[in-house]
Amino acid sequence: MQGPDPETIFDEIAFRDAYRMSYLINAIIVPTYEDVRRDFGVIRAEYHLLMCLAHYPTLSAQDVARLTRRPRNSISRAVHRMLDEGYLERRPHPDDGRQALLSITPAGRALHEKIAARLTERQEEVLSPLSADERDQLDGLLQRLSRHVADLPPS
């Protein structure tokens, strides 16, 4: 039995653009993170932590929460587990004794690269119907929206 066509709800719902974005993200993220959890034992917040630290030499947990818009408590739990697993290192923040600075270990970087490859592969699969020009347009629009959202306060 075939269920309802998703386009129907896209055309009817008041926040259709947000719902479409969520639908597409779920098509990329949900199956990939299920595979990552199964194959590597890493959940989404833990990977976000590795991803951020793979691109910045040191960050605080608060920095990661801001960069990912993830709740601080989920990042805090991820920090503890990634430290225990040897994927991160922690040292005291020189200017703020209440915070620690985090960095990724070689093992954490290797894990990040494996997971990033899977996410990239799935992203390419979902976005494959778009031409190069359409991909450039999408990239520009997403970049513009991301910059706007970065300035919005968390709700």
N, C-alpha and C. Protein backbone atom coordinates (compact mmCIF):
# COMPACT_ATOMS: atom_id res chain seq x y z
N MET A 1 0.85 -1.19 0.00
CA MET A 1 0.00 0.00 0.00
C MET A 1 0.88 1.24 0.00
N GLN A 2 0.67 2.10 -0.95
CA GLN A 2 1.40 3.36 -1.08
C GLN A 2 0.74 4.41 -0.19
N GLY A 3 1.54 5.12 0.59
CA GLY A 3 1.03 6.17 1.48
C GLY A 3 0.86 7.48 0.73
N PRO A 4 0.54 8.52 1.45
CA PRO A 4 0.35 9.83 0.82
C PRO A 4 1.64 10.37 0.22
N ASP A 5 1.53 11.12 -0.83
CA ASP A 5 2.66 11.74 -1.50
C ASP A 5 3.15 12.92 -0.65
N PRO A 6 4.44 12.98 -0.31
CA PRO A 6 4.94 14.10 0.50
C PRO A 6 4.66 15.47 -0.13
N GLU A 7 4.61 15.54 -1.45
CA GLU A 7 4.33 16.83 -2.09
C GLU A 7 2.99 17.42 -1.63
N THR A 8 2.06 16.56 -1.27
CA THR A 8 0.76 17.04 -0.82
C THR A 8 0.91 17.91 0.42
N ILE A 9 1.64 17.43 1.40
CA ILE A 9 1.81 18.22 2.63
C ILE A 9 2.69 19.44 2.36
N PHE A 10 3.67 19.33 1.45
CA PHE A 10 4.51 20.48 1.12
C PHE A 10 3.66 21.62 0.58
N ASP A 11 2.64 21.29 -0.18
CA ASP A 11 1.79 22.31 -0.78
C ASP A 11 0.78 22.89 0.20
N GLU A 12 0.48 22.17 1.27
CA GLU A 12 -0.59 22.58 2.19
C GLU A 12 -0.10 23.22 3.48
N ILE A 13 1.06 22.83 3.95
CA ILE A 13 1.53 23.26 5.27
C ILE A 13 1.96 24.73 5.25
N ALA A 14 1.69 25.43 6.32
CA ALA A 14 1.98 26.87 6.39
C ALA A 14 3.48 27.16 6.34
N PHE A 15 4.30 26.31 6.89
CA PHE A 15 5.76 26.52 6.93
C PHE A 15 6.45 25.56 5.97
N ARG A 16 5.98 25.53 4.73
CA ARG A 16 6.41 24.52 3.77
C ARG A 16 7.90 24.56 3.47
N ASP A 17 8.50 25.74 3.41
CA ASP A 17 9.94 25.79 3.10
C ASP A 17 10.75 25.15 4.22
N ALA A 18 10.42 25.47 5.46
CA ALA A 18 11.13 24.87 6.60
C ALA A 18 10.90 23.36 6.62
N TYR A 19 9.67 22.94 6.33
CA TYR A 19 9.38 21.51 6.34
C TYR A 19 10.13 20.80 5.21
N ARG A 20 10.20 21.42 4.05
CA ARG A 20 10.96 20.83 2.94
C ARG A 20 12.43 20.68 3.31
N MET A 21 12.99 21.72 3.93
CA MET A 21 14.40 21.64 4.35
C MET A 21 14.59 20.51 5.36
N SER A 22 13.68 20.40 6.29
CA SER A 22 13.75 19.33 7.30
C SER A 22 13.64 17.96 6.63
N TYR A 23 12.74 17.83 5.70
CA TYR A 23 12.55 16.58 4.97
C TYR A 23 13.83 16.17 4.25
N LEU A 24 14.46 17.13 3.56
CA LEU A 24 15.70 16.84 2.84
C LEU A 24 16.85 16.51 3.79
N ILE A 25 16.96 17.26 4.88
CA ILE A 25 18.00 16.98 5.86
C ILE A 25 17.79 15.59 6.45
N ASN A 26 16.54 15.25 6.76
CA ASN A 26 16.26 13.92 7.29
C ASN A 26 16.63 12.83 6.29
N ALA A 27 16.50 13.12 5.00
CA ALA A 27 16.88 12.13 3.98
C ALA A 27 18.39 11.92 3.94
N ILE A 28 19.15 12.94 4.30
CA ILE A 28 20.60 12.83 4.31
C ILE A 28 21.09 12.33 5.67
N ILE A 29 20.64 12.97 6.71
CA ILE A 29 21.20 12.78 8.04
C ILE A 29 20.74 11.50 8.73
N VAL A 30 19.45 11.26 8.79
CA VAL A 30 18.93 10.16 9.61
C VAL A 30 19.52 8.81 9.21
N PRO A 31 19.44 8.40 7.94
CA PRO A 31 20.00 7.08 7.61
C PRO A 31 21.53 7.03 7.80
N THR A 32 22.20 8.12 7.52
CA THR A 32 23.66 8.12 7.64
C THR A 32 24.07 8.03 9.10
N TYR A 33 23.43 8.80 9.97
CA TYR A 33 23.80 8.75 11.39
C TYR A 33 23.41 7.41 12.02
N GLU A 34 22.39 6.77 11.51
CA GLU A 34 22.07 5.42 12.01
C GLU A 34 23.21 4.46 11.66
N ASP A 35 23.72 4.57 10.42
CA ASP A 35 24.86 3.74 10.02
C ASP A 35 26.10 4.07 10.85
N VAL A 36 26.34 5.35 11.09
CA VAL A 36 27.50 5.79 11.87
C VAL A 36 27.39 5.27 13.31
N ARG A 37 26.21 5.36 13.89
CA ARG A 37 26.01 4.86 15.26
C ARG A 37 26.28 3.36 15.32
N ARG A 38 25.75 2.65 14.34
CA ARG A 38 25.93 1.19 14.29
C ARG A 38 27.39 0.81 14.05
N ASP A 39 28.03 1.45 13.08
CA ASP A 39 29.37 1.04 12.67
C ASP A 39 30.50 1.61 13.54
N PHE A 40 30.30 2.80 14.11
CA PHE A 40 31.37 3.45 14.86
C PHE A 40 31.00 3.74 16.32
N GLY A 41 29.74 3.56 16.68
CA GLY A 41 29.31 3.82 18.05
C GLY A 41 29.29 5.29 18.40
N VAL A 42 29.12 6.15 17.41
CA VAL A 42 29.14 7.60 17.60
C VAL A 42 27.77 8.17 17.26
N ILE A 43 27.25 9.01 18.16
CA ILE A 43 25.96 9.66 17.88
C ILE A 43 26.20 11.05 17.29
N ARG A 44 25.14 11.68 16.84
CA ARG A 44 25.22 12.93 16.10
C ARG A 44 26.00 14.02 16.84
N ALA A 45 25.68 14.28 18.09
CA ALA A 45 26.37 15.34 18.85
C ALA A 45 27.86 15.04 18.96
N GLU A 46 28.21 13.77 19.11
CA GLU A 46 29.62 13.40 19.20
C GLU A 46 30.35 13.66 17.89
N TYR A 47 29.67 13.35 16.78
CA TYR A 47 30.30 13.63 15.50
C TYR A 47 30.41 15.13 15.26
N HIS A 48 29.39 15.89 15.62
CA HIS A 48 29.45 17.35 15.44
C HIS A 48 30.67 17.93 16.17
N LEU A 49 30.94 17.39 17.33
CA LEU A 49 32.10 17.81 18.10
C LEU A 49 33.39 17.52 17.32
N LEU A 50 33.52 16.30 16.80
CA LEU A 50 34.69 15.95 16.01
C LEU A 50 34.81 16.80 14.76
N MET A 51 33.67 17.04 14.10
CA MET A 51 33.66 17.82 12.87
C MET A 51 34.19 19.23 13.13
N CYS A 52 33.68 19.87 14.18
CA CYS A 52 34.13 21.23 14.49
C CYS A 52 35.62 21.26 14.81
N LEU A 53 36.05 20.31 15.63
CA LEU A 53 37.45 20.30 16.04
C LEU A 53 38.39 19.86 14.92
N ALA A 54 37.88 19.23 13.90
CA ALA A 54 38.69 18.89 12.74
C ALA A 54 38.99 20.14 11.90
N HIS A 55 38.20 21.21 12.13
CA HIS A 55 38.36 22.43 11.34
C HIS A 55 38.92 23.61 12.13
N TYR A 56 38.96 23.49 13.44
CA TYR A 56 39.52 24.53 14.31
C TYR A 56 40.50 23.84 15.27
N PRO A 57 41.66 24.41 15.49
CA PRO A 57 42.64 23.72 16.33
C PRO A 57 42.18 23.52 17.78
N THR A 58 41.52 24.52 18.35
CA THR A 58 40.98 24.39 19.71
C THR A 58 39.66 25.12 19.78
N LEU A 59 38.76 24.56 20.56
CA LEU A 59 37.45 25.16 20.81
C LEU A 59 37.02 24.79 22.22
N SER A 60 36.14 25.60 22.77
CA SER A 60 35.47 25.22 24.02
C SER A 60 34.18 24.49 23.63
N ALA A 61 33.60 23.80 24.59
CA ALA A 61 32.30 23.14 24.34
C ALA A 61 31.26 24.18 23.96
N GLN A 62 31.34 25.36 24.57
CA GLN A 62 30.41 26.44 24.26
C GLN A 62 30.57 26.89 22.80
N ASP A 63 31.80 26.95 22.32
CA ASP A 63 32.05 27.28 20.91
C ASP A 63 31.37 26.27 19.99
N VAL A 64 31.51 25.00 20.33
CA VAL A 64 30.92 23.94 19.50
C VAL A 64 29.39 24.06 19.50
N ALA A 65 28.81 24.32 20.66
CA ALA A 65 27.35 24.49 20.72
C ALA A 65 26.91 25.65 19.84
N ARG A 66 27.67 26.73 19.84
CA ARG A 66 27.33 27.89 19.00
C ARG A 66 27.49 27.56 17.52
N LEU A 67 28.57 26.86 17.16
CA LEU A 67 28.82 26.52 15.76
C LEU A 67 27.80 25.53 15.19
N THR A 68 27.26 24.68 16.04
CA THR A 68 26.34 23.64 15.57
C THR A 68 24.88 23.93 15.89
N ARG A 69 24.65 24.90 16.76
CA ARG A 69 23.30 25.21 17.26
C ARG A 69 22.69 23.99 17.96
N ARG A 70 23.55 23.19 18.55
CA ARG A 70 23.12 22.04 19.34
C ARG A 70 23.02 22.47 20.80
N PRO A 71 22.14 21.84 21.57
CA PRO A 71 22.05 22.18 22.99
C PRO A 71 23.37 21.92 23.72
N ARG A 72 23.72 22.82 24.64
CA ARG A 72 24.99 22.69 25.36
C ARG A 72 25.09 21.38 26.13
N ASN A 73 23.96 20.91 26.68
CA ASN A 73 24.03 19.66 27.45
C ASN A 73 24.38 18.48 26.56
N SER A 74 23.91 18.45 25.31
CA SER A 74 24.27 17.33 24.43
C SER A 74 25.74 17.41 24.04
N ILE A 75 26.26 18.61 23.86
CA ILE A 75 27.68 18.77 23.55
C ILE A 75 28.52 18.39 24.77
N SER A 76 28.07 18.76 25.95
CA SER A 76 28.80 18.42 27.18
C SER A 76 28.92 16.90 27.34
N ARG A 77 27.82 16.19 27.12
CA ARG A 77 27.86 14.72 27.20
C ARG A 77 28.80 14.15 26.14
N ALA A 78 28.74 14.73 24.95
CA ALA A 78 29.61 14.27 23.86
C ALA A 78 31.09 14.49 24.21
N VAL A 79 31.40 15.61 24.83
CA VAL A 79 32.78 15.90 25.22
C VAL A 79 33.29 14.80 26.15
N HIS A 80 32.51 14.47 27.17
CA HIS A 80 32.95 13.47 28.14
C HIS A 80 33.20 12.12 27.47
N ARG A 81 32.30 11.72 26.60
CA ARG A 81 32.46 10.43 25.95
C ARG A 81 33.63 10.42 24.97
N MET A 82 33.78 11.49 24.19
CA MET A 82 34.88 11.55 23.22
C MET A 82 36.24 11.63 23.92
N LEU A 83 36.28 12.27 25.10
CA LEU A 83 37.52 12.26 25.90
C LEU A 83 37.83 10.83 26.37
N ASP A 84 36.79 10.16 26.89
CA ASP A 84 36.97 8.78 27.37
C ASP A 84 37.43 7.84 26.27
N GLU A 85 36.96 8.08 25.04
CA GLU A 85 37.30 7.21 23.91
C GLU A 85 38.66 7.56 23.29
N GLY A 86 39.25 8.68 23.73
CA GLY A 86 40.55 9.07 23.20
C GLY A 86 40.50 9.85 21.90
N TYR A 87 39.33 10.38 21.56
CA TYR A 87 39.18 11.15 20.32
C TYR A 87 39.46 12.64 20.53
N LEU A 88 39.47 13.09 21.79
CA LEU A 88 39.71 14.49 22.12
C LEU A 88 40.73 14.58 23.24
N GLU A 89 41.34 15.78 23.32
CA GLU A 89 42.18 16.14 24.45
C GLU A 89 41.61 17.43 25.02
N ARG A 90 41.82 17.61 26.33
CA ARG A 90 41.31 18.80 27.00
C ARG A 90 42.45 19.43 27.80
N ARG A 91 42.47 20.77 27.77
CA ARG A 91 43.40 21.50 28.62
C ARG A 91 42.68 22.73 29.18
N PRO A 92 43.15 23.25 30.29
CA PRO A 92 42.48 24.40 30.89
C PRO A 92 42.51 25.62 29.96
N HIS A 93 41.45 26.39 29.99
CA HIS A 93 41.40 27.64 29.23
C HIS A 93 42.27 28.65 29.97
N PRO A 94 43.21 29.30 29.29
CA PRO A 94 44.12 30.20 30.00
C PRO A 94 43.44 31.46 30.57
N ASP A 95 42.32 31.87 29.99
CA ASP A 95 41.65 33.10 30.42
C ASP A 95 40.39 32.87 31.25
N ASP A 96 39.90 31.63 31.28
CA ASP A 96 38.64 31.35 31.97
C ASP A 96 38.74 29.97 32.61
N GLY A 97 38.93 29.96 33.91
CA GLY A 97 39.09 28.71 34.64
C GLY A 97 37.87 27.82 34.63
N ARG A 98 36.71 28.37 34.27
CA ARG A 98 35.49 27.57 34.22
C ARG A 98 35.37 26.77 32.93
N GLN A 99 36.17 27.11 31.95
CA GLN A 99 36.08 26.43 30.65
C GLN A 99 37.37 25.66 30.36
N ALA A 100 37.23 24.72 29.46
CA ALA A 100 38.38 23.96 28.97
C ALA A 100 38.46 24.14 27.47
N LEU A 101 39.65 24.01 26.94
CA LEU A 101 39.86 24.02 25.50
C LEU A 101 40.02 22.59 25.03
N LEU A 102 39.37 22.29 23.95
CA LEU A 102 39.36 20.94 23.39
C LEU A 102 40.13 20.92 22.09
N SER A 103 40.76 19.81 21.80
CA SER A 103 41.39 19.60 20.49
C SER A 103 41.18 18.14 20.11
N ILE A 104 41.27 17.89 18.83
CA ILE A 104 41.03 16.54 18.31
C ILE A 104 42.35 15.77 18.29
N THR A 105 42.29 14.50 18.59
CA THR A 105 43.47 13.63 18.53
C THR A 105 43.58 13.03 17.13
N PRO A 106 44.71 12.43 16.80
CA PRO A 106 44.81 11.74 15.50
C PRO A 106 43.72 10.67 15.32
N ALA A 107 43.38 9.95 16.38
CA ALA A 107 42.30 8.95 16.27
C ALA A 107 40.96 9.63 15.99
N GLY A 108 40.73 10.78 16.63
CA GLY A 108 39.50 11.52 16.38
C GLY A 108 39.43 12.05 14.96
N ARG A 109 40.55 12.51 14.46
CA ARG A 109 40.59 13.02 13.07
C ARG A 109 40.33 11.88 12.08
N ALA A 110 40.90 10.73 12.31
CA ALA A 110 40.68 9.58 11.42
C ALA A 110 39.21 9.18 11.43
N LEU A 111 38.59 9.17 12.61
CA LEU A 111 37.17 8.85 12.70
C LEU A 111 36.34 9.90 11.98
N HIS A 112 36.66 11.17 12.18
CA HIS A 112 35.95 12.25 11.49
C HIS A 112 36.00 12.05 9.98
N GLU A 113 37.16 11.71 9.45
CA GLU A 113 37.30 11.55 8.00
C GLU A 113 36.43 10.41 7.48
N LYS A 114 36.34 9.31 8.21
CA LYS A 114 35.48 8.20 7.79
C LYS A 114 34.01 8.61 7.79
N ILE A 115 33.59 9.29 8.83
CA ILE A 115 32.18 9.70 8.94
C ILE A 115 31.86 10.77 7.90
N ALA A 116 32.75 11.73 7.71
CA ALA A 116 32.53 12.79 6.72
C ALA A 116 32.37 12.20 5.33
N ALA A 117 33.14 11.16 5.02
CA ALA A 117 33.03 10.52 3.70
C ALA A 117 31.63 9.94 3.51
N ARG A 118 31.09 9.33 4.54
CA ARG A 118 29.74 8.77 4.43
C ARG A 118 28.68 9.85 4.25
N LEU A 119 28.80 10.92 5.03
CA LEU A 119 27.83 12.02 4.90
C LEU A 119 27.93 12.68 3.53
N THR A 120 29.14 12.84 3.03
CA THR A 120 29.34 13.43 1.71
C THR A 120 28.73 12.55 0.62
N GLU A 121 28.93 11.26 0.74
CA GLU A 121 28.37 10.32 -0.24
C GLU A 121 26.84 10.41 -0.26
N ARG A 122 26.23 10.44 0.90
CA ARG A 122 24.76 10.53 0.97
C ARG A 122 24.27 11.88 0.46
N GLN A 123 24.98 12.95 0.80
CA GLN A 123 24.62 14.27 0.30
C GLN A 123 24.63 14.29 -1.22
N GLU A 124 25.66 13.71 -1.80
CA GLU A 124 25.76 13.67 -3.26
C GLU A 124 24.61 12.87 -3.87
N GLU A 125 24.25 11.78 -3.23
CA GLU A 125 23.13 10.96 -3.71
C GLU A 125 21.83 11.77 -3.71
N VAL A 126 21.57 12.49 -2.64
CA VAL A 126 20.32 13.26 -2.53
C VAL A 126 20.32 14.45 -3.49
N LEU A 127 21.46 15.10 -3.67
CA LEU A 127 21.52 16.30 -4.51
C LEU A 127 21.84 16.01 -5.97
N SER A 128 21.99 14.75 -6.33
CA SER A 128 22.39 14.39 -7.69
C SER A 128 21.46 14.88 -8.81
N PRO A 129 20.15 15.09 -8.58
CA PRO A 129 19.33 15.60 -9.68
C PRO A 129 19.64 17.04 -10.08
N LEU A 130 20.40 17.77 -9.29
CA LEU A 130 20.69 19.17 -9.58
C LEU A 130 21.87 19.30 -10.53
N SER A 131 21.78 20.26 -11.44
CA SER A 131 22.89 20.58 -12.33
C SER A 131 23.96 21.33 -11.53
N ALA A 132 25.12 21.53 -12.14
CA ALA A 132 26.19 22.27 -11.49
C ALA A 132 25.74 23.70 -11.16
N ASP A 133 25.04 24.34 -12.09
CA ASP A 133 24.53 25.69 -11.84
C ASP A 133 23.52 25.70 -10.70
N GLU A 134 22.65 24.71 -10.67
CA GLU A 134 21.66 24.62 -9.59
C GLU A 134 22.35 24.37 -8.24
N ARG A 135 23.39 23.56 -8.25
CA ARG A 135 24.15 23.32 -7.01
C ARG A 135 24.80 24.61 -6.53
N ASP A 136 25.34 25.40 -7.47
CA ASP A 136 25.93 26.69 -7.10
C ASP A 136 24.89 27.63 -6.52
N GLN A 137 23.70 27.65 -7.13
CA GLN A 137 22.61 28.49 -6.62
C GLN A 137 22.20 28.04 -5.23
N LEU A 138 22.04 26.75 -5.06
CA LEU A 138 21.66 26.20 -3.75
C LEU A 138 22.72 26.56 -2.72
N ASP A 139 23.98 26.40 -3.08
CA ASP A 139 25.07 26.72 -2.16
C ASP A 139 25.00 28.19 -1.74
N GLY A 140 24.79 29.07 -2.69
CA GLY A 140 24.69 30.50 -2.38
C GLY A 140 23.52 30.82 -1.47
N LEU A 141 22.38 30.21 -1.74
CA LEU A 141 21.19 30.45 -0.91
C LEU A 141 21.39 29.90 0.51
N LEU A 142 21.94 28.71 0.60
CA LEU A 142 22.17 28.12 1.93
C LEU A 142 23.21 28.93 2.71
N GLN A 143 24.22 29.41 2.02
CA GLN A 143 25.24 30.24 2.68
C GLN A 143 24.60 31.53 3.21
N ARG A 144 23.77 32.15 2.43
CA ARG A 144 23.10 33.39 2.85
C ARG A 144 22.19 33.14 4.05
N LEU A 145 21.43 32.07 4.01
CA LEU A 145 20.54 31.74 5.13
C LEU A 145 21.35 31.37 6.38
N SER A 146 22.42 30.64 6.21
CA SER A 146 23.26 30.25 7.35
C SER A 146 23.86 31.47 8.04
N ARG A 147 24.32 32.41 7.25
CA ARG A 147 24.87 33.65 7.83
C ARG A 147 23.79 34.42 8.59
N HIS A 148 22.61 34.46 8.05
CA HIS A 148 21.49 35.12 8.73
C HIS A 148 21.16 34.43 10.05
N VAL A 149 21.07 33.11 10.02
CA VAL A 149 20.73 32.35 11.22
C VAL A 149 21.82 32.49 12.29
N ALA A 150 23.07 32.61 11.85
CA ALA A 150 24.17 32.75 12.82
C ALA A 150 23.98 34.00 13.69
N ASP A 151 23.29 35.00 13.15
CA ASP A 151 23.06 36.24 13.91
C ASP A 151 21.79 36.20 14.74
N LEU A 152 20.96 35.17 14.56
CA LEU A 152 19.73 35.08 15.33
C LEU A 152 20.01 34.49 16.71
N PRO A 153 19.33 34.98 17.74
CA PRO A 153 19.54 34.36 19.05
C PRO A 153 18.92 32.97 19.08
N PRO A 154 19.52 32.05 19.84
CA PRO A 154 18.89 30.72 19.98
C PRO A 154 17.54 30.89 20.67
N SER A 155 16.61 30.08 20.26
CA SER A 155 15.28 30.22 20.89
C SER A 155 15.15 29.32 22.09
